[in-house]
Amino acid sequence: MKIPTLSELDTFSQVDIKTVDPAQLVDIREVAVNTDLPKEERILDFIRQVHNPYCFRHGKIVVKIGFSESAEHTTLEEQFESYLRSL
């Protein structure tokens, strides 16, 4: 199984969900990672199945994942709370 290069991962992260063809994205509900594998192999298994770990579908909904370089907030709950406070 080929490990994506940093360049490939960067390209994956730049996908625009407004212009991507949803039919070309993997439905995350169809991904089944073998939990018996070691952590690194589970990650590779997930990437192999989903193709782009930053952009995929859940049914008809296109999902794009991004990561903050800020260490100020570390949990999803803290990030969400910070977002709500900024409104």
C-alpha atoms as a PDB file:
ATOM      1  CA  MET A   1       0.000   0.000   0.000  1.00  0.00           C
ATOM      2  CA  LYS A   2       1.488   3.345  -1.085  1.00  0.00           C
ATOM      3  CA  ILE A   3       1.852   6.036   1.556  1.00  0.00           C
ATOM      4  CA  PRO A   4       0.755   9.449   0.226  1.00  0.00           C
ATOM      5  CA  THR A   5       3.529  12.012  -0.091  1.00  0.00           C
ATOM      6  CA  LEU A   6       3.296  15.364   1.678  1.00  0.00           C
ATOM      7  CA  SER A   7       2.639  16.931  -1.712  1.00  0.00           C
ATOM      8  CA  GLU A   8      -0.243  14.532  -2.371  1.00  0.00           C
ATOM      9  CA  LEU A   9      -1.700  15.170   1.080  1.00  0.00           C
ATOM     10  CA  ASP A  10      -1.448  18.917   0.463  1.00  0.00           C
ATOM     11  CA  THR A  11      -3.276  18.481  -2.854  1.00  0.00           C
ATOM     12  CA  PHE A  12      -5.973  16.413  -1.119  1.00  0.00           C
ATOM     13  CA  SER A  13      -6.428  19.134   1.500  1.00  0.00           C
ATOM     14  CA  GLN A  14      -6.943  21.805  -1.176  1.00  0.00           C
ATOM     15  CA  VAL A  15     -10.043  20.196  -2.734  1.00  0.00           C
ATOM     16  CA  ASP A  16     -12.867  22.726  -3.026  1.00  0.00           C
ATOM     17  CA  ILE A  17     -16.132  21.196  -1.831  1.00  0.00           C
ATOM     18  CA  LYS A  18     -18.048  23.710  -3.952  1.00  0.00           C
ATOM     19  CA  THR A  19     -16.586  22.349  -7.185  1.00  0.00           C
ATOM     20  CA  VAL A  20     -15.750  18.711  -6.402  1.00  0.00           C
ATOM     21  CA  ASP A  21     -17.913  16.065  -8.075  1.00  0.00           C
ATOM     22  CA  PRO A  22     -19.638  14.225  -5.201  1.00  0.00           C
ATOM     23  CA  ALA A  23     -19.946  11.115  -7.376  1.00  0.00           C
ATOM     24  CA  GLN A  24     -16.135  10.900  -7.371  1.00  0.00           C
ATOM     25  CA  LEU A  25     -15.935  10.874  -3.572  1.00  0.00           C
ATOM     26  CA  VAL A  26     -16.055   7.773  -1.383  1.00  0.00           C
ATOM     27  CA  ASP A  27     -19.032   7.430   0.948  1.00  0.00           C
ATOM     28  CA  ILE A  28     -17.491   7.181   4.421  1.00  0.00           C
ATOM     29  CA  ARG A  29     -20.246   4.742   5.426  1.00  0.00           C
ATOM     30  CA  GLU A  30     -18.700   2.193   3.058  1.00  0.00           C
ATOM     31  CA  VAL A  31     -15.273   2.381   4.707  1.00  0.00           C
ATOM     32  CA  ALA A  32     -14.567  -0.448   7.126  1.00  0.00           C
ATOM     33  CA  VAL A  33     -11.141  -0.303   8.727  1.00  0.00           C
ATOM     34  CA  ASN A  34      -9.751  -3.512  10.198  1.00  0.00           C
ATOM     35  CA  THR A  35      -9.360  -2.628  13.887  1.00  0.00           C
ATOM     36  CA  ASP A  36      -7.114  -5.653  14.433  1.00  0.00           C
ATOM     37  CA  LEU A  37      -4.335  -3.926  12.480  1.00  0.00           C
ATOM     38  CA  PRO A  38      -1.647  -1.855  14.227  1.00  0.00           C
ATOM     39  CA  LYS A  39      -2.340   1.901  14.325  1.00  0.00           C
ATOM     40  CA  GLU A  40      -0.136   2.840  11.348  1.00  0.00           C
ATOM     41  CA  GLU A  41      -1.647   0.110   9.196  1.00  0.00           C
ATOM     42  CA  ARG A  42      -5.193   1.171  10.187  1.00  0.00           C
ATOM     43  CA  ILE A  43      -4.390   4.710   9.041  1.00  0.00           C
ATOM     44  CA  LEU A  44      -3.062   3.419   5.726  1.00  0.00           C
ATOM     45  CA  ASP A  45      -6.081   1.131   5.349  1.00  0.00           C
ATOM     46  CA  PHE A  46      -8.400   4.107   5.891  1.00  0.00           C
ATOM     47  CA  ILE A  47      -6.519   6.251   3.346  1.00  0.00           C
ATOM     48  CA  ARG A  48      -6.475   3.392   0.842  1.00  0.00           C
ATOM     49  CA  GLN A  49     -10.252   3.058   1.091  1.00  0.00           C
ATOM     50  CA  VAL A  50     -11.268   6.705   1.282  1.00  0.00           C
ATOM     51  CA  HIS A  51      -8.586   7.935  -1.191  1.00  0.00           C
ATOM     52  CA  ASN A  52      -8.751  11.521   0.088  1.00  0.00           C
ATOM     53  CA  PRO A  53      -8.781  11.677   3.906  1.00  0.00           C
ATOM     54  CA  TYR A  54      -9.679  15.385   3.743  1.00  0.00           C
ATOM     55  CA  CYS A  55     -12.769  15.144   1.527  1.00  0.00           C
ATOM     56  CA  PHE A  56     -15.384  12.418   1.265  1.00  0.00           C
ATOM     57  CA  ARG A  57     -19.147  11.926   1.351  1.00  0.00           C
ATOM     58  CA  HIS A  58     -21.619  10.842   3.988  1.00  0.00           C
ATOM     59  CA  GLY A  59     -24.594   9.950   1.823  1.00  0.00           C
ATOM     60  CA  LYS A  60     -25.327  13.044  -0.261  1.00  0.00           C
ATOM     61  CA  ILE A  61     -23.374  15.365   2.040  1.00  0.00           C
ATOM     62  CA  VAL A  62     -19.825  16.332   1.046  1.00  0.00           C
ATOM     63  CA  VAL A  63     -17.527  16.516   4.076  1.00  0.00           C
ATOM     64  CA  LYS A  64     -14.210  18.361   4.164  1.00  0.00           C
ATOM     65  CA  ILE A  65     -11.898  18.072   7.144  1.00  0.00           C
ATOM     66  CA  GLY A  66      -9.285  20.641   8.041  1.00  0.00           C
ATOM     67  CA  PHE A  67      -6.879  21.036  10.900  1.00  0.00           C
ATOM     68  CA  SER A  68      -5.922  24.136  12.811  1.00  0.00           C
ATOM     69  CA  GLU A  69      -2.288  24.831  13.501  1.00  0.00           C
ATOM     70  CA  SER A  70      -3.305  26.676  16.649  1.00  0.00           C
ATOM     71  CA  ALA A  71      -2.687  24.832  19.901  1.00  0.00           C
ATOM     72  CA  GLU A  72      -4.924  27.266  21.793  1.00  0.00           C
ATOM     73  CA  HIS A  73      -7.917  24.890  21.677  1.00  0.00           C
ATOM     74  CA  THR A  74      -7.346  21.181  21.581  1.00  0.00           C
ATOM     75  CA  THR A  75     -10.772  19.539  21.584  1.00  0.00           C
ATOM     76  CA  LEU A  76     -13.707  19.766  19.204  1.00  0.00           C
ATOM     77  CA  GLU A  77     -15.844  21.059  22.050  1.00  0.00           C
ATOM     78  CA  GLU A  78     -13.366  23.853  22.813  1.00  0.00           C
ATOM     79  CA  GLN A  79     -13.125  24.762  19.124  1.00  0.00           C
ATOM     80  CA  PHE A  80     -16.918  24.860  18.822  1.00  0.00           C
ATOM     81  CA  GLU A  81     -17.264  26.941  21.970  1.00  0.00           C
ATOM     82  CA  SER A  82     -14.659  29.379  20.665  1.00  0.00           C
ATOM     83  CA  TYR A  83     -16.535  29.621  17.364  1.00  0.00           C
ATOM     84  CA  LEU A  84     -19.850  30.313  19.101  1.00  0.00           C
ATOM     85  CA  ARG A  85     -18.257  33.018  21.258  1.00  0.00           C
ATOM     86  CA  SER A  86     -16.926  34.700  18.117  1.00  0.00           C
ATOM     87  CA  LEU A  87     -20.410  35.154  16.631  1.00  0.00           C
END
